[in-house]
C-alpha atoms as a PDB file:
ATOM      1  CA  MET A   1      -0.078   0.066   0.149  1.00  0.00           C
ATOM      2  CA  THR A   2       1.322   3.572  -0.870  1.00  0.00           C
ATOM      3  CA  LEU A   3       1.248   6.228   1.384  1.00  0.00           C
ATOM      4  CA  ARG A   4      -1.102   8.182  -0.898  1.00  0.00           C
ATOM      5  CA  TYR A   5      -3.819   6.153   0.457  1.00  0.00           C
ATOM      6  CA  VAL A   6      -3.263   6.477   4.126  1.00  0.00           C
ATOM      7  CA  PRO A   7      -5.259   9.767   4.329  1.00  0.00           C
ATOM      8  CA  LYS A   8      -8.282   8.365   2.511  1.00  0.00           C
ATOM      9  CA  ILE A   9      -8.090   5.310   4.625  1.00  0.00           C
ATOM     10  CA  ARG A  10      -7.738   7.329   7.991  1.00  0.00           C
ATOM     11  CA  SER A  11     -10.687   9.501   6.847  1.00  0.00           C
ATOM     12  CA  LEU A  12     -13.021   6.579   5.990  1.00  0.00           C
ATOM     13  CA  VAL A  13     -12.351   4.990   9.442  1.00  0.00           C
ATOM     14  CA  CYS A  14     -13.258   8.400  11.131  1.00  0.00           C
ATOM     15  CA  THR A  15     -16.326   8.718   9.073  1.00  0.00           C
ATOM     16  CA  LEU A  16     -17.254   4.916   9.911  1.00  0.00           C
ATOM     17  CA  PHE A  17     -16.353   5.734  13.619  1.00  0.00           C
ATOM     18  CA  ALA A  18     -18.790   8.700  13.437  1.00  0.00           C
ATOM     19  CA  ALA A  19     -21.676   6.773  11.922  1.00  0.00           C
ATOM     20  CA  VAL A  20     -21.421   3.904  14.481  1.00  0.00           C
ATOM     21  CA  TRP A  21     -21.347   6.525  17.237  1.00  0.00           C
ATOM     22  CA  ALA A  22     -24.261   8.351  15.879  1.00  0.00           C
ATOM     23  CA  SER A  23     -26.520   5.094  15.331  1.00  0.00           C
ATOM     24  CA  ALA A  24     -25.745   3.346  18.452  1.00  0.00           C
ATOM     25  CA  ALA A  25     -26.870   4.800  21.766  1.00  0.00           C
ATOM     26  CA  TRP A  26     -23.799   5.690  23.708  1.00  0.00           C
ATOM     27  CA  PRO A  27     -23.771   3.506  26.589  1.00  0.00           C
ATOM     28  CA  CYS A  28     -25.163   5.414  29.510  1.00  0.00           C
ATOM     29  CA  ALA A  29     -23.449   3.080  32.026  1.00  0.00           C
ATOM     30  CA  ASP A  30     -20.094   4.475  30.836  1.00  0.00           C
ATOM     31  CA  LEU A  31     -21.072   8.062  31.385  1.00  0.00           C
ATOM     32  CA  GLN A  32     -22.913   7.051  34.883  1.00  0.00           C
ATOM     33  CA  ARG A  33     -19.929   5.171  36.094  1.00  0.00           C
ATOM     34  CA  VAL A  34     -17.560   7.942  35.410  1.00  0.00           C
ATOM     35  CA  ALA A  35     -20.072  10.654  37.053  1.00  0.00           C
ATOM     36  CA  ASP A  36     -20.181   8.323  40.126  1.00  0.00           C
ATOM     37  CA  ALA A  37     -16.442   8.028  40.367  1.00  0.00           C
ATOM     38  CA  VAL A  38     -15.972  11.933  40.104  1.00  0.00           C
ATOM     39  CA  ARG A  39     -18.563  12.303  42.643  1.00  0.00           C
ATOM     40  CA  GLY A  40     -16.231  10.107  44.884  1.00  0.00           C
ATOM     41  CA  GLN A  41     -18.318   6.789  44.529  1.00  0.00           C
ATOM     42  CA  GLY A  42     -15.771   4.221  43.864  1.00  0.00           C
ATOM     43  CA  GLY A  43     -12.734   6.425  42.836  1.00  0.00           C
ATOM     44  CA  LEU A  44     -11.261   7.136  39.384  1.00  0.00           C
ATOM     45  CA  ALA A  45      -8.377   4.820  39.764  1.00  0.00           C
ATOM     46  CA  GLY A  46      -9.939   1.890  38.038  1.00  0.00           C
ATOM     47  CA  ILE A  47     -12.064   3.773  35.361  1.00  0.00           C
ATOM     48  CA  ALA A  48     -11.544   2.271  32.087  1.00  0.00           C
ATOM     49  CA  ALA A  49     -11.292   4.374  28.744  1.00  0.00           C
ATOM     50  CA  MET A  50     -14.541   5.289  27.253  1.00  0.00           C
ATOM     51  CA  ASP A  51     -15.596   3.426  24.053  1.00  0.00           C
ATOM     52  CA  GLY A  52     -13.646   4.480  21.078  1.00  0.00           C
ATOM     53  CA  ALA A  53     -11.697   7.202  22.951  1.00  0.00           C
ATOM     54  CA  GLN A  54      -7.826   7.655  21.928  1.00  0.00           C
ATOM     55  CA  TRP A  55      -6.993   8.333  25.456  1.00  0.00           C
ATOM     56  CA  CYS A  56      -8.818   9.129  28.879  1.00  0.00           C
ATOM     57  CA  ALA A  57      -7.181  10.309  32.002  1.00  0.00           C
ATOM     58  CA  ALA A  58      -8.113  10.980  35.521  1.00  0.00           C
ATOM     59  CA  SER A  59      -6.865  14.058  37.323  1.00  0.00           C
ATOM     60  CA  LYS A  60      -7.139  15.833  40.682  1.00  0.00           C
ATOM     61  CA  GLY A  61      -7.192  19.724  41.015  1.00  0.00           C
ATOM     62  CA  LEU A  62      -5.456  21.866  43.786  1.00  0.00           C
ATOM     63  CA  SER A  63      -8.639  21.743  45.821  1.00  0.00           C
ATOM     64  CA  GLY A  64      -8.583  17.778  45.576  1.00  0.00           C
ATOM     65  CA  ALA A  65     -11.714  17.687  43.334  1.00  0.00           C
ATOM     66  CA  GLN A  66     -11.348  14.783  40.761  1.00  0.00           C
ATOM     67  CA  SER A  67     -11.942  15.212  36.995  1.00  0.00           C
ATOM     68  CA  PHE A  68     -12.109  12.726  34.288  1.00  0.00           C
ATOM     69  CA  HIS A  69     -11.331  13.495  30.441  1.00  0.00           C
ATOM     70  CA  CYS A  70     -11.238  11.603  27.264  1.00  0.00           C
ATOM     71  CA  ALA A  71     -10.230  12.548  23.593  1.00  0.00           C
ATOM     72  CA  TRP A  72     -11.368  11.186  20.125  1.00  0.00           C
ATOM     73  CA  GLY A  73      -9.483  12.126  17.122  1.00  0.00           C
ATOM     74  CA  PHE A  74     -10.635  12.829  13.544  1.00  0.00           C
ATOM     75  CA  GLU A  75      -9.197  14.099  10.237  1.00  0.00           C
ATOM     76  CA  PHE A  76      -8.611  17.901  10.470  1.00  0.00           C
ATOM     77  CA  ARG A  77     -11.853  19.699  10.363  1.00  0.00           C
ATOM     78  CA  ASP A  78     -13.802  16.430   9.602  1.00  0.00           C
ATOM     79  CA  ALA A  79     -17.448  17.124   9.972  1.00  0.00           C
ATOM     80  CA  ALA A  80     -17.848  13.679  11.748  1.00  0.00           C
ATOM     81  CA  ALA A  81     -16.148  15.353  14.851  1.00  0.00           C
ATOM     82  CA  ARG A  82     -18.814  17.869  15.302  1.00  0.00           C
ATOM     83  CA  THR A  83     -21.440  15.205  14.632  1.00  0.00           C
ATOM     84  CA  VAL A  84     -20.132  13.101  17.369  1.00  0.00           C
ATOM     85  CA  ALA A  85     -19.764  16.160  19.818  1.00  0.00           C
ATOM     86  CA  GLN A  86     -23.345  17.035  19.269  1.00  0.00           C
ATOM     87  CA  ASP A  87     -24.176  13.513  19.827  1.00  0.00           C
ATOM     88  CA  MET A  88     -22.232  13.441  22.953  1.00  0.00           C
ATOM     89  CA  VAL A  89     -24.142  16.580  24.220  1.00  0.00           C
ATOM     90  CA  TYR A  90     -27.437  14.768  23.616  1.00  0.00           C
ATOM     91  CA  GLN A  91     -26.403  11.741  25.390  1.00  0.00           C
ATOM     92  CA  VAL A  92     -25.218  13.506  28.442  1.00  0.00           C
ATOM     93  CA  ARG A  93     -28.638  15.280  28.725  1.00  0.00           C
ATOM     94  CA  HIS A  94     -30.329  11.678  28.201  1.00  0.00           C
ATOM     95  CA  CYS A  95     -27.999   9.692  30.406  1.00  0.00           C
ATOM     96  CA  LEU A  96     -27.506  11.937  33.467  1.00  0.00           C
ATOM     97  CA  GLY A  97     -30.982  13.721  33.722  1.00  0.00           C
ATOM     98  CA  GLY A  98     -31.314  17.138  35.299  1.00  0.00           C
ATOM     99  CA  VAL A  99     -28.507  18.608  32.915  1.00  0.00           C
ATOM    100  CA  ASN A 100     -28.528  22.326  32.058  1.00  0.00           C
ATOM    101  CA  ALA A 101     -26.638  24.197  29.547  1.00  0.00           C
ATOM    102  CA  ALA A 102     -24.472  26.478  31.243  1.00  0.00           C
ATOM    103  CA  GLY A 103     -22.991  28.023  28.141  1.00  0.00           C
ATOM    104  CA  LEU A 104     -20.636  27.983  25.097  1.00  0.00           C
ATOM    105  CA  GLN A 105     -17.100  29.022  25.028  1.00  0.00           C
ATOM    106  CA  ASN A 106     -14.821  29.630  22.320  1.00  0.00           C
ATOM    107  CA  PRO A 107     -12.070  32.225  23.203  1.00  0.00           C
ATOM    108  CA  VAL A 108      -8.747  31.199  21.892  1.00  0.00           C
ATOM    109  CA  ASN A 109      -5.411  33.029  21.606  1.00  0.00           C
ATOM    110  CA  HIS A 110      -4.287  31.094  18.356  1.00  0.00           C
ATOM    111  CA  PRO A 111      -5.618  30.643  14.852  1.00  0.00           C
ATOM    112  CA  ASP A 112      -6.971  27.043  15.732  1.00  0.00           C
ATOM    113  CA  THR A 113     -10.810  26.746  16.175  1.00  0.00           C
ATOM    114  CA  PHE A 114     -12.236  25.772  19.627  1.00  0.00           C
ATOM    115  CA  ASP A 115     -15.925  25.293  20.287  1.00  0.00           C
ATOM    116  CA  GLN A 116     -16.955  24.102  23.876  1.00  0.00           C
ATOM    117  CA  ILE A 117     -20.503  23.461  25.523  1.00  0.00           C
ATOM    118  CA  ILE A 118     -20.649  23.276  29.322  1.00  0.00           C
ATOM    119  CA  LEU A 119     -23.407  21.310  30.968  1.00  0.00           C
ATOM    120  CA  THR A 120     -24.179  21.198  34.516  1.00  0.00           C
ATOM    121  CA  THR A 121     -25.919  18.904  37.054  1.00  0.00           C
ATOM    122  CA  PRO A 122     -26.489  19.846  40.670  1.00  0.00           C
ATOM    123  CA  ASN A 123     -22.883  18.721  41.302  1.00  0.00           C
ATOM    124  CA  LEU A 124     -20.997  18.091  38.083  1.00  0.00           C
ATOM    125  CA  GLU A 125     -19.686  20.099  35.173  1.00  0.00           C
ATOM    126  CA  ILE A 126     -19.559  18.195  31.980  1.00  0.00           C
ATOM    127  CA  THR A 127     -17.769  19.840  28.940  1.00  0.00           C
ATOM    128  CA  VAL A 128     -17.666  18.841  25.398  1.00  0.00           C
ATOM    129  CA  ALA A 129     -15.238  20.423  23.192  1.00  0.00           C
ATOM    130  CA  VAL A 130     -14.132  20.205  19.602  1.00  0.00           C
ATOM    131  CA  LYS A 131     -10.623  21.419  18.873  1.00  0.00           C
ATOM    132  CA  ASP A 132      -9.025  21.831  15.302  1.00  0.00           C
ATOM    133  CA  LYS A 133      -5.494  21.524  15.961  1.00  0.00           C
ATOM    134  CA  GLY A 134      -3.778  22.891  12.551  1.00  0.00           C
ATOM    135  CA  ALA A 135      -0.260  22.190  13.380  1.00  0.00           C
ATOM    136  CA  GLN A 136      -1.144  18.514  14.204  1.00  0.00           C
ATOM    137  CA  ASN A 137      -3.620  18.218  11.194  1.00  0.00           C
ATOM    138  CA  ARG A 138      -6.281  16.692  13.208  1.00  0.00           C
ATOM    139  CA  THR A 139      -9.497  17.545  15.161  1.00  0.00           C
ATOM    140  CA  LEU A 140     -10.047  16.386  18.552  1.00  0.00           C
ATOM    141  CA  VAL A 141     -13.316  15.813  20.572  1.00  0.00           C
ATOM    142  CA  PHE A 142     -13.000  16.254  24.203  1.00  0.00           C
ATOM    143  CA  LEU A 143     -15.388  15.074  27.028  1.00  0.00           C
ATOM    144  CA  GLY A 144     -14.808  16.163  30.574  1.00  0.00           C
ATOM    145  CA  VAL A 145     -16.493  15.447  33.698  1.00  0.00           C
ATOM    146  CA  GLY A 146     -15.725  17.201  36.897  1.00  0.00           C
ATOM    147  CA  LEU A 147     -17.020  18.378  40.091  1.00  0.00           C
ATOM    148  CA  LYS A 148     -18.484  21.967  40.208  1.00  0.00           C
END
């Protein structure tokens, strides 16, 4: 296989991932498990990566509050990334219940694009972000769950 086909294959894989993501109900159990762990029920140490994520990581802030973040990668400015992000917002609202939209953020100090939706529950802040990374020639979708 020559290298000229690699971008086309990568694009096809990303498109198929987005189609599978959009057509299948994102497991509420995964999101609920993460939300419970962030709230301190069971801890984040044993939390596995969420379905299809390139990476997931737990962190602890200076206040001791725990948070959990995952990222999914796509071709640069692939429309599938925005579709997946929109579906994530829908699934967060569906799975967690009592979710309010706290706002949108997109201030950046560089030419890459960045869109973020912040959702809240009485004790959680959930962020869904789409970041076009020009220098890396890819687009990332992030999901973050942390205490308010």
